[in-house]
Each structure stands twice: as structure tokens, then as C-alpha cells.
């Protein structure tokens, strides 16, 4: 191992080092490039038996003289201020530069306590996956109670939309949907266009359809976040069923190869997972003729593996 040109003892501007200094350096062994410490030949060949510079304790000072020069072994200790490190930060990746902050539990996230492992049901006629009992009836009722107390915003137009919804930004809730409800376990082997699933978007929508409520034909558009994550799938969960709580309100999928649409009746806790964007099937929510229908709507995020960090792998 050759010491760098800027190592102590090297002369600059073409001057040769004194023979006595060269001989002394050869007796001591080469210098460690990273710290300027003196190491033995065995250590220079790759045996890491010397301590780190921050905890290195120098041996008792034993000076040696050679003519008019005196050599004393020294050890340098550098105290790094708190909050600073020698590692360079990535300037091009927002996901890598994001500091990890512990997410505190929220009123919505604490509703889910039991770890789940969903068992899907695959439809033959539509491009969607059903997950029965994704939420329990108790969990659905708690969610409805929470959002009813929070209130809804009314959205309607003459042609297609007549419903109320409330968007809630909650990272803890998004993590609970991803981890505790079992979406991460269910989607663990999926890869689409070189991307892998990384979590649920922290903006979750609660939709309420009262009598006359409907949502006309549409497709779900993808969400592109500034941190590089993109939504690929929509998650829809029915918070109540159509047997006793409302009439109508079926989820209708219009398939291009079928003359008649495919209707999915709401069941309490039933989840639907289906693609967004150009792969999304045209769909609509049929009119509710009696009662009140509640639905949760969220986006499943994907990202390239090269952008994954500990923070992004946690679900959000």
C-alpha cells in the first residue's frame, strides 16, 4: 500500500524526502490513507486488527532521535459535530433525501389491531380482484362513525355525479391499510413495468351515496407523486352492504367484449382491487334508490426498486 501524495512526510514540488525519514517510515510501515495512522505490514495487506481513529489510544510516547531530527508517534482524534456526517447526501432522489420520521398512530389507524392475510377471489369477467372480509363489520362501523363526525363535502353535476365525499390525509392510516390489513403480504410478488408495490397513498377518500346518489361512467386516473411513486391500482372497500342498509348502488363494469355490463353487489368489508389509467375498465356506481351507501377509495403506489429505501419500504 502506497501512501497518498498528500500524506505526512511527503515533500512537494519535486523535492526528495530525507533518507533518514524514508528509512524511518519503512521501519514503521505504511500510513493508513483514511486516517494517517501507522499500521503494520500485516494490516496493510488487509487484516483489520487496528482500532478505529475515533477510539485509537496511542502507545506511550517513546521518542527516537536520528541526528538532529526527533520522531514522536502521534494519534489524531477528530470530533465530528452532532448532526453532521462525512457521507454525501443524494441530490437527485427525493426518496433518498427524505428524513425518516416516526409516524404517530392516528384515530383511524388504531381501529386495525389484528394482522390479516387476505384470500382473494378472482373474477373471470372483469379485470378486478375481490378480497372478502378485508374489513370486519366492526371496523367498517368505526370508520363510518369517524367520517360522519368529520363531515362530507357535496359534489354533483347534472349529468353524472351526485354524491358526497371527504378526503383525509393520514400516513398512519395508509400504513395500517398496507401492513395490518395485509395488502403488502398479498401484493408481495407483483411487478409491473419494472416497478414494485410500496404502499398506499396517504390521501384516502370516503364516499357517501344517499338516495339518488350516483357516479357516472369513468375511469380511475393514476396519481404521480413528487417522490417518484406512481399509483397503479385502485382499492375500493364497501363499508356497508346492500342487503339491509340501501337498495341499488351496484358497482357496474362495462367490458369492451361484452354487450351487458358486469355488476358487483356491495358487501360489508368487501374490497375490490383493479388497475388504473389506460388499463382501467370503464365503470360507474349505479343510483341508490333507498338508504345510504359508504365506500372507501385509496390508491396503491408503485416505484422502481432503485428508488426504494427503508422509509419507502415501510408503506409510506
C-alpha atoms as a PDB file:
ATOM      1  CA  UNK A   1       0.000   0.000   0.000  1.00  0.00           C
ATOM      2  CA  UNK A   2       1.496   3.284  -1.083  1.00  0.00           C
ATOM      3  CA  UNK A   3       0.695   6.418   0.921  1.00  0.00           C
ATOM      4  CA  UNK A   4      -1.057   9.227  -0.950  1.00  0.00           C
ATOM      5  CA  UNK A   5       0.932  12.179  -2.211  1.00  0.00           C
ATOM      6  CA  UNK A   6      -0.521  14.404   0.492  1.00  0.00           C
ATOM      7  CA  UNK A   7       0.432  12.038   3.341  1.00  0.00           C
ATOM      8  CA  UNK A   8       2.627  13.431   6.115  1.00  0.00           C
ATOM      9  CA  UNK A   9       6.309  13.174   5.341  1.00  0.00           C
ATOM     10  CA  UNK A  10       5.975  13.589   1.573  1.00  0.00           C
ATOM     11  CA  UNK A  11       7.739  16.577   0.096  1.00  0.00           C
ATOM     12  CA  UNK A  12       6.005  18.667  -2.538  1.00  0.00           C
ATOM     13  CA  UNK A  13       7.238  20.463  -5.652  1.00  0.00           C
ATOM     14  CA  UNK A  14       9.568  17.620  -6.622  1.00  0.00           C
ATOM     15  CA  UNK A  15      11.710  17.756  -3.504  1.00  0.00           C
ATOM     16  CA  UNK A  16      13.014  14.416  -2.330  1.00  0.00           C
ATOM     17  CA  UNK A  17      12.355  13.349   1.215  1.00  0.00           C
ATOM     18  CA  UNK A  18      15.333  12.893   3.545  1.00  0.00           C
ATOM     19  CA  UNK A  19      16.863   9.440   3.510  1.00  0.00           C
ATOM     20  CA  UNK A  20      16.593   9.234   7.277  1.00  0.00           C
ATOM     21  CA  UNK A  21      12.843   9.972   7.119  1.00  0.00           C
ATOM     22  CA  UNK A  22      12.362   7.363   4.363  1.00  0.00           C
ATOM     23  CA  UNK A  23      14.195   4.773   6.378  1.00  0.00           C
ATOM     24  CA  UNK A  24      12.196   5.576   9.498  1.00  0.00           C
ATOM     25  CA  UNK A  25       8.915   5.368   7.565  1.00  0.00           C
ATOM     26  CA  UNK A  26       9.893   1.998   6.094  1.00  0.00           C
ATOM     27  CA  UNK A  27      10.614   0.710   9.580  1.00  0.00           C
ATOM     28  CA  UNK A  28       7.280   1.995  10.875  1.00  0.00           C
ATOM     29  CA  UNK A  29       5.210   0.619   8.000  1.00  0.00           C
ATOM     30  CA  UNK A  30       2.874   2.429   5.568  1.00  0.00           C
ATOM     31  CA  UNK A  31       0.327   5.043   6.575  1.00  0.00           C
ATOM     32  CA  UNK A  32      -3.381   4.301   6.636  1.00  0.00           C
ATOM     33  CA  UNK A  33      -4.804   6.561   3.850  1.00  0.00           C
ATOM     34  CA  UNK A  34      -8.084   7.219   5.626  1.00  0.00           C
ATOM     35  CA  UNK A  35      -6.736   8.377   8.975  1.00  0.00           C
ATOM     36  CA  UNK A  36      -2.984   8.931   8.773  1.00  0.00           C
ATOM     37  CA  UNK A  37      -2.424   6.191  11.397  1.00  0.00           C
ATOM     38  CA  UNK A  38       0.646   3.983  11.308  1.00  0.00           C
ATOM     39  CA  UNK A  39      -0.191   0.355  10.502  1.00  0.00           C
ATOM     40  CA  UNK A  40       1.924  -2.787  10.293  1.00  0.00           C
ATOM     41  CA  UNK A  41       2.613  -4.716   7.094  1.00  0.00           C
ATOM     42  CA  UNK A  42       0.060  -7.354   8.075  1.00  0.00           C
ATOM     43  CA  UNK A  43      -2.544  -4.643   8.494  1.00  0.00           C
ATOM     44  CA  UNK A  44      -1.615  -3.076   5.161  1.00  0.00           C
ATOM     45  CA  UNK A  45      -2.397  -6.396   3.465  1.00  0.00           C
ATOM     46  CA  UNK A  46      -5.998  -6.262   4.657  1.00  0.00           C
ATOM     47  CA  UNK A  47      -6.063  -7.568   8.219  1.00  0.00           C
ATOM     48  CA  UNK A  48      -8.302  -5.065  10.109  1.00  0.00           C
ATOM     49  CA  UNK A  49      -6.835  -5.530  13.587  1.00  0.00           C
ATOM     50  CA  UNK A  50      -6.297  -1.862  14.375  1.00  0.00           C
ATOM     51  CA  UNK A  51      -8.943   0.245  16.155  1.00  0.00           C
ATOM     52  CA  UNK A  52     -10.937   2.987  14.510  1.00  0.00           C
ATOM     53  CA  UNK A  53      -9.425   6.520  14.582  1.00  0.00           C
ATOM     54  CA  UNK A  54     -12.064   7.822  16.991  1.00  0.00           C
ATOM     55  CA  UNK A  55     -11.200   5.312  19.713  1.00  0.00           C
ATOM     56  CA  UNK A  56      -7.492   4.821  18.999  1.00  0.00           C
ATOM     57  CA  UNK A  57      -5.309   5.040  22.102  1.00  0.00           C
ATOM     58  CA  UNK A  58      -1.668   5.825  21.272  1.00  0.00           C
ATOM     59  CA  UNK A  59       1.097   3.833  22.953  1.00  0.00           C
ATOM     60  CA  UNK A  60       3.360   5.528  25.482  1.00  0.00           C
ATOM     61  CA  UNK A  61       5.416   8.210  23.804  1.00  0.00           C
ATOM     62  CA  UNK A  62       8.899   6.928  23.066  1.00  0.00           C
ATOM     63  CA  UNK A  63      10.843   9.428  21.074  1.00  0.00           C
ATOM     64  CA  UNK A  64      13.577   8.362  18.706  1.00  0.00           C
ATOM     65  CA  UNK A  65      16.319  10.607  17.503  1.00  0.00           C
ATOM     66  CA  UNK A  66      18.309  10.452  14.311  1.00  0.00           C
ATOM     67  CA  UNK A  67      20.893  13.126  14.057  1.00  0.00           C
ATOM     68  CA  UNK A  68      19.186  16.476  14.504  1.00  0.00           C
ATOM     69  CA  UNK A  69      15.660  15.076  13.927  1.00  0.00           C
ATOM     70  CA  UNK A  70      13.408  13.527  16.548  1.00  0.00           C
ATOM     71  CA  UNK A  71      10.421  11.287  15.684  1.00  0.00           C
ATOM     72  CA  UNK A  72       7.434  11.034  18.031  1.00  0.00           C
ATOM     73  CA  UNK A  73       4.394   8.780  17.202  1.00  0.00           C
ATOM     74  CA  UNK A  74       1.171  10.798  17.158  1.00  0.00           C
ATOM     75  CA  UNK A  75      -2.533   9.953  17.012  1.00  0.00           C
ATOM     76  CA  UNK A  76      -5.166  12.361  15.686  1.00  0.00           C
ATOM     77  CA  UNK A  77      -8.649  12.377  17.188  1.00  0.00           C
ATOM     78  CA  UNK A  78     -11.350  14.245  15.222  1.00  0.00           C
ATOM     79  CA  UNK A  79     -14.621  15.072  16.949  1.00  0.00           C
ATOM     80  CA  UNK A  80     -17.488  15.223  14.440  1.00  0.00           C
ATOM     81  CA  UNK A  81     -20.239  17.695  15.492  1.00  0.00           C
ATOM     82  CA  UNK A  82     -23.656  16.194  16.104  1.00  0.00           C
ATOM     83  CA  UNK A  83     -25.940  16.272  13.101  1.00  0.00           C
ATOM     84  CA  UNK A  84     -23.067  16.222  10.609  1.00  0.00           C
ATOM     85  CA  UNK A  85     -21.542  13.244   8.884  1.00  0.00           C
ATOM     86  CA  UNK A  86     -18.948  12.642   6.259  1.00  0.00           C
ATOM     87  CA  UNK A  87     -21.377  10.884   3.916  1.00  0.00           C
ATOM     88  CA  UNK A  88     -22.533  12.788   0.890  1.00  0.00           C
ATOM     89  CA  UNK A  89     -26.273  13.171   0.510  1.00  0.00           C
ATOM     90  CA  UNK A  90     -28.038  12.214  -2.678  1.00  0.00           C
ATOM     91  CA  UNK A  91     -29.162  15.337  -4.515  1.00  0.00           C
ATOM     92  CA  UNK A  92     -31.140  13.701  -7.290  1.00  0.00           C
ATOM     93  CA  UNK A  93     -33.514  11.346  -5.493  1.00  0.00           C
ATOM     94  CA  UNK A  94     -36.258  12.824  -3.285  1.00  0.00           C
ATOM     95  CA  UNK A  95     -36.918   9.431  -1.702  1.00  0.00           C
ATOM     96  CA  UNK A  96     -33.316   9.026  -0.515  1.00  0.00           C
ATOM     97  CA  UNK A  97     -33.090  12.568   0.820  1.00  0.00           C
ATOM     98  CA  UNK A  98     -36.253  12.288   2.898  1.00  0.00           C
ATOM     99  CA  UNK A  99     -35.541  12.015   6.604  1.00  0.00           C
ATOM    100  CA  UNK A 100     -37.233   9.182   8.396  1.00  0.00           C
ATOM    101  CA  UNK A 101     -39.751  10.423  10.897  1.00  0.00           C
ATOM    102  CA  UNK A 102     -41.653   8.083  13.179  1.00  0.00           C
ATOM    103  CA  UNK A 103     -45.338   8.133  12.316  1.00  0.00           C
ATOM    104  CA  UNK A 104     -47.615   8.535  15.312  1.00  0.00           C
ATOM    105  CA  UNK A 105     -50.785   6.402  15.494  1.00  0.00           C
ATOM    106  CA  UNK A 106     -53.963   8.178  14.448  1.00  0.00           C
ATOM    107  CA  UNK A 107     -57.608   7.764  15.366  1.00  0.00           C
ATOM    108  CA  UNK A 108     -58.145   5.783  12.150  1.00  0.00           C
ATOM    109  CA  UNK A 109     -55.028   3.610  12.285  1.00  0.00           C
ATOM    110  CA  UNK A 110     -55.739   2.294  15.796  1.00  0.00           C
ATOM    111  CA  UNK A 111     -59.003   0.788  14.532  1.00  0.00           C
ATOM    112  CA  UNK A 112     -56.985  -2.033  12.966  1.00  0.00           C
ATOM    113  CA  UNK A 113     -55.303  -4.270  15.537  1.00  0.00           C
ATOM    114  CA  UNK A 114     -55.265  -7.817  14.145  1.00  0.00           C
ATOM    115  CA  UNK A 115     -52.816  -8.804  11.401  1.00  0.00           C
ATOM    116  CA  UNK A 116     -54.634 -10.105   8.314  1.00  0.00           C
ATOM    117  CA  UNK A 117     -53.681 -12.315   5.371  1.00  0.00           C
ATOM    118  CA  UNK A 118     -56.267 -11.744   2.613  1.00  0.00           C
ATOM    119  CA  UNK A 119     -57.594 -14.589   0.489  1.00  0.00           C
ATOM    120  CA  UNK A 120     -58.572 -13.134  -2.905  1.00  0.00           C
ATOM    121  CA  UNK A 121     -61.331 -14.138  -5.286  1.00  0.00           C
ATOM    122  CA  UNK A 122     -60.531 -13.695  -8.984  1.00  0.00           C
ATOM    123  CA  UNK A 123     -63.289 -12.649 -11.351  1.00  0.00           C
ATOM    124  CA  UNK A 124     -63.425 -14.192 -14.811  1.00  0.00           C
ATOM    125  CA  UNK A 125     -65.442 -11.440 -16.486  1.00  0.00           C
ATOM    126  CA  UNK A 126     -63.739  -8.278 -15.200  1.00  0.00           C
ATOM    127  CA  UNK A 127     -60.170  -7.175 -14.595  1.00  0.00           C
ATOM    128  CA  UNK A 128     -60.529  -6.944 -10.818  1.00  0.00           C
ATOM    129  CA  UNK A 129     -59.695  -8.941  -7.719  1.00  0.00           C
ATOM    130  CA  UNK A 130     -62.138  -9.251  -4.821  1.00  0.00           C
ATOM    131  CA  UNK A 131     -60.970  -9.590  -1.216  1.00  0.00           C
ATOM    132  CA  UNK A 132     -63.853 -10.666   1.059  1.00  0.00           C
ATOM    133  CA  UNK A 133     -63.745  -9.532   4.699  1.00  0.00           C
ATOM    134  CA  UNK A 134     -60.916  -7.103   4.033  1.00  0.00           C
ATOM    135  CA  UNK A 135     -62.509  -5.069   6.849  1.00  0.00           C
ATOM    136  CA  UNK A 136     -64.573  -6.581   9.631  1.00  0.00           C
ATOM    137  CA  UNK A 137     -68.080  -5.261  10.293  1.00  0.00           C
ATOM    138  CA  UNK A 138     -66.831  -3.633  13.493  1.00  0.00           C
ATOM    139  CA  UNK A 139     -64.008  -1.880  11.635  1.00  0.00           C
ATOM    140  CA  UNK A 140     -66.419  -0.672   8.943  1.00  0.00           C
ATOM    141  CA  UNK A 141     -68.774   0.761  11.544  1.00  0.00           C
ATOM    142  CA  UNK A 142     -65.924   2.569  13.304  1.00  0.00           C
ATOM    143  CA  UNK A 143     -64.801   4.113  10.007  1.00  0.00           C
ATOM    144  CA  UNK A 144     -68.338   5.248   9.159  1.00  0.00           C
ATOM    145  CA  UNK A 145     -68.761   6.796  12.600  1.00  0.00           C
ATOM    146  CA  UNK A 146     -65.469   8.664  12.276  1.00  0.00           C
ATOM    147  CA  UNK A 147     -66.152  10.117   8.839  1.00  0.00           C
ATOM    148  CA  UNK A 148     -69.760  11.027   9.693  1.00  0.00           C
ATOM    149  CA  UNK A 149     -68.458  13.094  12.595  1.00  0.00           C
ATOM    150  CA  UNK A 150     -65.844  14.706  10.325  1.00  0.00           C
ATOM    151  CA  UNK A 151     -68.474  15.657   7.745  1.00  0.00           C
ATOM    152  CA  UNK A 152     -68.691  15.458   3.953  1.00  0.00           C
ATOM    153  CA  UNK A 153     -68.405  17.836   1.014  1.00  0.00           C
ATOM    154  CA  UNK A 154     -71.227  17.661  -1.540  1.00  0.00           C
ATOM    155  CA  UNK A 155     -70.247  17.098  -5.181  1.00  0.00           C
ATOM    156  CA  UNK A 156     -72.739  16.925  -8.009  1.00  0.00           C
ATOM    157  CA  UNK A 157     -73.470  17.916 -11.575  1.00  0.00           C
ATOM    158  CA  UNK A 158     -76.491  17.452 -13.802  1.00  0.00           C
ATOM    159  CA  UNK A 159     -75.131  14.509 -15.769  1.00  0.00           C
ATOM    160  CA  UNK A 160     -73.030  12.041 -13.829  1.00  0.00           C
ATOM    161  CA  UNK A 161     -72.079  12.889 -10.259  1.00  0.00           C
ATOM    162  CA  UNK A 162     -74.293  13.158  -7.216  1.00  0.00           C
ATOM    163  CA  UNK A 163     -72.566  12.125  -4.016  1.00  0.00           C
ATOM    164  CA  UNK A 164     -70.603  13.365  -1.016  1.00  0.00           C
ATOM    165  CA  UNK A 165     -67.015  12.631  -0.146  1.00  0.00           C
ATOM    166  CA  UNK A 166     -64.304  13.536   2.296  1.00  0.00           C
ATOM    167  CA  UNK A 167     -60.552  13.279   1.594  1.00  0.00           C
ATOM    168  CA  UNK A 168     -58.464  12.505   4.674  1.00  0.00           C
ATOM    169  CA  UNK A 169     -54.659  12.758   4.701  1.00  0.00           C
ATOM    170  CA  UNK A 170     -53.357  10.215   7.202  1.00  0.00           C
ATOM    171  CA  UNK A 171     -49.997   8.439   6.861  1.00  0.00           C
ATOM    172  CA  UNK A 172     -50.661   6.160   9.828  1.00  0.00           C
ATOM    173  CA  UNK A 173     -53.967   5.052   8.337  1.00  0.00           C
ATOM    174  CA  UNK A 174     -52.297   4.392   4.962  1.00  0.00           C
ATOM    175  CA  UNK A 175     -49.645   2.262   6.686  1.00  0.00           C
ATOM    176  CA  UNK A 176     -52.324   0.299   8.534  1.00  0.00           C
ATOM    177  CA  UNK A 177     -54.115  -0.453   5.251  1.00  0.00           C
ATOM    178  CA  UNK A 178     -50.831  -1.617   3.749  1.00  0.00           C
ATOM    179  CA  UNK A 179     -49.381  -3.636   6.621  1.00  0.00           C
ATOM    180  CA  UNK A 180     -52.068  -4.715   9.096  1.00  0.00           C
ATOM    181  CA  UNK A 181     -54.835  -5.276   6.543  1.00  0.00           C
ATOM    182  CA  UNK A 182     -52.450  -7.444   4.523  1.00  0.00           C
ATOM    183  CA  UNK A 183     -52.085  -5.627   1.202  1.00  0.00           C
ATOM    184  CA  UNK A 184     -48.292  -5.811   1.427  1.00  0.00           C
ATOM    185  CA  UNK A 185     -48.428  -9.567   2.005  1.00  0.00           C
ATOM    186  CA  UNK A 186     -50.959 -10.087  -0.797  1.00  0.00           C
ATOM    187  CA  UNK A 187     -49.025  -7.997  -3.378  1.00  0.00           C
ATOM    188  CA  UNK A 188     -45.516  -9.054  -2.357  1.00  0.00           C
ATOM    189  CA  UNK A 189     -44.711 -10.821  -5.654  1.00  0.00           C
ATOM    190  CA  UNK A 190     -46.209  -8.312  -8.104  1.00  0.00           C
ATOM    191  CA  UNK A 191     -44.036  -6.378 -10.546  1.00  0.00           C
ATOM    192  CA  UNK A 192     -45.460  -4.057 -13.228  1.00  0.00           C
ATOM    193  CA  UNK A 193     -43.310  -2.262 -15.815  1.00  0.00           C
ATOM    194  CA  UNK A 194     -40.244  -2.787 -13.639  1.00  0.00           C
ATOM    195  CA  UNK A 195     -41.956  -1.309 -10.559  1.00  0.00           C
ATOM    196  CA  UNK A 196     -42.904  -2.972  -7.278  1.00  0.00           C
ATOM    197  CA  UNK A 197     -45.711  -2.077  -4.823  1.00  0.00           C
ATOM    198  CA  UNK A 198     -44.527   0.140  -1.965  1.00  0.00           C
ATOM    199  CA  UNK A 199     -47.635   1.239  -0.054  1.00  0.00           C
ATOM    200  CA  UNK A 200     -50.942   3.083  -0.027  1.00  0.00           C
ATOM    201  CA  UNK A 201     -51.187   6.792  -0.803  1.00  0.00           C
ATOM    202  CA  UNK A 202     -51.786   8.856   2.326  1.00  0.00           C
ATOM    203  CA  UNK A 203     -54.806  10.611   0.759  1.00  0.00           C
ATOM    204  CA  UNK A 204     -57.807   8.333   1.384  1.00  0.00           C
ATOM    205  CA  UNK A 205     -61.312   9.199   0.180  1.00  0.00           C
ATOM    206  CA  UNK A 206     -64.574   8.320   1.926  1.00  0.00           C
ATOM    207  CA  UNK A 207     -67.613   8.490  -0.385  1.00  0.00           C
ATOM    208  CA  UNK A 208     -71.243   8.625   0.720  1.00  0.00           C
ATOM    209  CA  UNK A 209     -74.200   7.943  -1.603  1.00  0.00           C
ATOM    210  CA  UNK A 210     -77.637   8.880  -0.295  1.00  0.00           C
ATOM    211  CA  UNK A 211     -80.959   8.385  -2.104  1.00  0.00           C
ATOM    212  CA  UNK A 212     -80.474   9.420  -5.725  1.00  0.00           C
ATOM    213  CA  UNK A 213     -76.680   9.325  -5.380  1.00  0.00           C
ATOM    214  CA  UNK A 214     -74.678   8.000  -8.310  1.00  0.00           C
ATOM    215  CA  UNK A 215     -71.356   8.294 -10.120  1.00  0.00           C
ATOM    216  CA  UNK A 216     -71.470   8.049 -13.918  1.00  0.00           C
ATOM    217  CA  UNK A 217     -69.126   6.246 -16.273  1.00  0.00           C
ATOM    218  CA  UNK A 218     -65.480   6.981 -15.610  1.00  0.00           C
ATOM    219  CA  UNK A 219     -62.005   5.506 -15.230  1.00  0.00           C
ATOM    220  CA  UNK A 220     -59.649   5.994 -12.292  1.00  0.00           C
ATOM    221  CA  UNK A 221     -56.614   8.079 -13.211  1.00  0.00           C
ATOM    222  CA  UNK A 222     -53.168   7.379 -11.789  1.00  0.00           C
ATOM    223  CA  UNK A 223     -51.533   9.583  -9.155  1.00  0.00           C
ATOM    224  CA  UNK A 224     -47.945  10.746  -9.709  1.00  0.00           C
ATOM    225  CA  UNK A 225     -46.161  11.892  -6.563  1.00  0.00           C
ATOM    226  CA  UNK A 226     -43.148  14.192  -6.349  1.00  0.00           C
ATOM    227  CA  UNK A 227     -41.139  11.463  -4.601  1.00  0.00           C
ATOM    228  CA  UNK A 228     -41.277   9.265  -7.714  1.00  0.00           C
ATOM    229  CA  UNK A 229     -44.065   6.923  -6.655  1.00  0.00           C
ATOM    230  CA  UNK A 230     -46.994   6.258  -9.003  1.00  0.00           C
ATOM    231  CA  UNK A 231     -50.381   4.704  -8.285  1.00  0.00           C
ATOM    232  CA  UNK A 232     -51.145   1.652 -10.418  1.00  0.00           C
ATOM    233  CA  UNK A 233     -54.139   0.061  -8.658  1.00  0.00           C
ATOM    234  CA  UNK A 234     -57.300   1.386  -7.061  1.00  0.00           C
ATOM    235  CA  UNK A 235     -58.535  -0.005  -3.766  1.00  0.00           C
ATOM    236  CA  UNK A 236     -62.290   0.200  -3.159  1.00  0.00           C
ATOM    237  CA  UNK A 237     -63.806  -1.118   0.058  1.00  0.00           C
ATOM    238  CA  UNK A 238     -67.557  -1.265   0.709  1.00  0.00           C
ATOM    239  CA  UNK A 239     -68.200  -0.140   4.286  1.00  0.00           C
ATOM    240  CA  UNK A 240     -71.790  -1.390   4.335  1.00  0.00           C
ATOM    241  CA  UNK A 241     -73.867  -3.881   2.366  1.00  0.00           C
ATOM    242  CA  UNK A 242     -76.903  -3.618   0.130  1.00  0.00           C
ATOM    243  CA  UNK A 243     -78.987  -6.238   1.943  1.00  0.00           C
ATOM    244  CA  UNK A 244     -80.488  -4.058   4.698  1.00  0.00           C
ATOM    245  CA  UNK A 245     -78.852  -0.645   4.556  1.00  0.00           C
ATOM    246  CA  UNK A 246     -79.574   0.518   0.999  1.00  0.00           C
ATOM    247  CA  UNK A 247     -81.055  -0.513  -2.341  1.00  0.00           C
ATOM    248  CA  UNK A 248     -79.366  -0.112  -5.705  1.00  0.00           C
ATOM    249  CA  UNK A 249     -75.856   1.294  -5.781  1.00  0.00           C
ATOM    250  CA  UNK A 250     -74.191  -1.604  -7.604  1.00  0.00           C
ATOM    251  CA  UNK A 251     -70.670  -1.191  -8.975  1.00  0.00           C
ATOM    252  CA  UNK A 252     -71.044  -1.596 -12.743  1.00  0.00           C
ATOM    253  CA  UNK A 253     -68.119  -2.529 -15.027  1.00  0.00           C
ATOM    254  CA  UNK A 254     -68.503  -2.018 -18.785  1.00  0.00           C
ATOM    255  CA  UNK A 255     -66.321  -4.586 -20.528  1.00  0.00           C
ATOM    256  CA  UNK A 256     -65.409  -3.934 -24.177  1.00  0.00           C
ATOM    257  CA  UNK A 257     -66.056  -7.557 -25.212  1.00  0.00           C
ATOM    258  CA  UNK A 258     -69.464  -7.898 -23.531  1.00  0.00           C
ATOM    259  CA  UNK A 259     -72.781  -6.412 -24.546  1.00  0.00           C
ATOM    260  CA  UNK A 260     -74.088  -6.437 -20.978  1.00  0.00           C
ATOM    261  CA  UNK A 261     -72.154  -4.859 -18.089  1.00  0.00           C
ATOM    262  CA  UNK A 262     -70.925  -6.806 -15.078  1.00  0.00           C
ATOM    263  CA  UNK A 263     -72.498  -5.733 -11.763  1.00  0.00           C
ATOM    264  CA  UNK A 264     -70.859  -6.256  -8.376  1.00  0.00           C
ATOM    265  CA  UNK A 265     -73.169  -6.039  -5.372  1.00  0.00           C
ATOM    266  CA  UNK A 266     -71.782  -4.363  -2.267  1.00  0.00           C
ATOM    267  CA  UNK A 267     -70.957  -6.483   0.783  1.00  0.00           C
ATOM    268  CA  UNK A 268     -69.769  -5.123   4.102  1.00  0.00           C
ATOM    269  CA  UNK A 269     -65.970  -5.245   4.204  1.00  0.00           C
ATOM    270  CA  UNK A 270     -65.560  -6.442   0.602  1.00  0.00           C
ATOM    271  CA  UNK A 271     -62.569  -4.898  -1.222  1.00  0.00           C
ATOM    272  CA  UNK A 272     -62.001  -4.559  -4.966  1.00  0.00           C
ATOM    273  CA  UNK A 273     -58.532  -4.141  -6.429  1.00  0.00           C
ATOM    274  CA  UNK A 274     -58.333  -3.091 -10.091  1.00  0.00           C
ATOM    275  CA  UNK A 275     -55.891  -1.276 -12.424  1.00  0.00           C
ATOM    276  CA  UNK A 276     -55.885   2.452 -13.102  1.00  0.00           C
ATOM    277  CA  UNK A 277     -55.120   4.643 -16.096  1.00  0.00           C
ATOM    278  CA  UNK A 278     -55.113   3.151 -19.576  1.00  0.00           C
ATOM    279  CA  UNK A 279     -55.709  -0.354 -18.175  1.00  0.00           C
ATOM    280  CA  UNK A 280     -58.736   0.702 -16.117  1.00  0.00           C
ATOM    281  CA  UNK A 281     -62.135  -0.686 -17.089  1.00  0.00           C
ATOM    282  CA  UNK A 282     -64.907   1.854 -17.662  1.00  0.00           C
ATOM    283  CA  UNK A 283     -67.139   1.741 -14.597  1.00  0.00           C
ATOM    284  CA  UNK A 284     -69.908   3.524 -12.748  1.00  0.00           C
ATOM    285  CA  UNK A 285     -71.757   3.491  -9.451  1.00  0.00           C
ATOM    286  CA  UNK A 286     -75.448   2.854 -10.034  1.00  0.00           C
ATOM    287  CA  UNK A 287     -78.055   5.077  -8.406  1.00  0.00           C
ATOM    288  CA  UNK A 288     -79.004   4.409  -4.799  1.00  0.00           C
ATOM    289  CA  UNK A 289     -82.801   4.190  -4.581  1.00  0.00           C
ATOM    290  CA  UNK A 290     -83.068   3.885  -0.810  1.00  0.00           C
ATOM    291  CA  UNK A 291     -80.800   4.218   2.210  1.00  0.00           C
ATOM    292  CA  UNK A 292     -77.149   5.260   2.341  1.00  0.00           C
ATOM    293  CA  UNK A 293     -74.056   3.633   0.850  1.00  0.00           C
ATOM    294  CA  UNK A 294     -70.496   4.162   2.201  1.00  0.00           C
ATOM    295  CA  UNK A 295     -67.312   3.402   0.243  1.00  0.00           C
ATOM    296  CA  UNK A 296     -63.590   3.833   0.948  1.00  0.00           C
ATOM    297  CA  UNK A 297     -61.342   4.622  -2.000  1.00  0.00           C
ATOM    298  CA  UNK A 298     -57.494   4.603  -1.971  1.00  0.00           C
ATOM    299  CA  UNK A 299     -54.527   4.330  -4.361  1.00  0.00           C
ATOM    300  CA  UNK A 300     -51.849   1.615  -4.276  1.00  0.00           C
ATOM    301  CA  UNK A 301     -48.409   3.087  -5.013  1.00  0.00           C
ATOM    302  CA  UNK A 302     -45.574   1.541  -7.031  1.00  0.00           C
ATOM    303  CA  UNK A 303     -41.944   2.593  -7.501  1.00  0.00           C
ATOM    304  CA  UNK A 304     -38.797   1.316  -9.256  1.00  0.00           C
ATOM    305  CA  UNK A 305     -36.632  -0.853  -6.967  1.00  0.00           C
ATOM    306  CA  UNK A 306     -33.697   1.560  -7.409  1.00  0.00           C
ATOM    307  CA  UNK A 307     -35.653   4.226  -5.506  1.00  0.00           C
ATOM    308  CA  UNK A 308     -36.532   2.020  -2.570  1.00  0.00           C
ATOM    309  CA  UNK A 309     -35.177   2.988   0.846  1.00  0.00           C
ATOM    310  CA  UNK A 310     -36.016   1.897   4.363  1.00  0.00           C
ATOM    311  CA  UNK A 311     -38.538   4.724   4.575  1.00  0.00           C
ATOM    312  CA  UNK A 312     -40.345   3.872   1.339  1.00  0.00           C
ATOM    313  CA  UNK A 313     -40.370   0.165   2.125  1.00  0.00           C
ATOM    314  CA  UNK A 314     -42.347   0.854   5.291  1.00  0.00           C
ATOM    315  CA  UNK A 315     -45.517   1.528   3.295  1.00  0.00           C
ATOM    316  CA  UNK A 316     -45.176   5.262   3.075  1.00  0.00           C
END
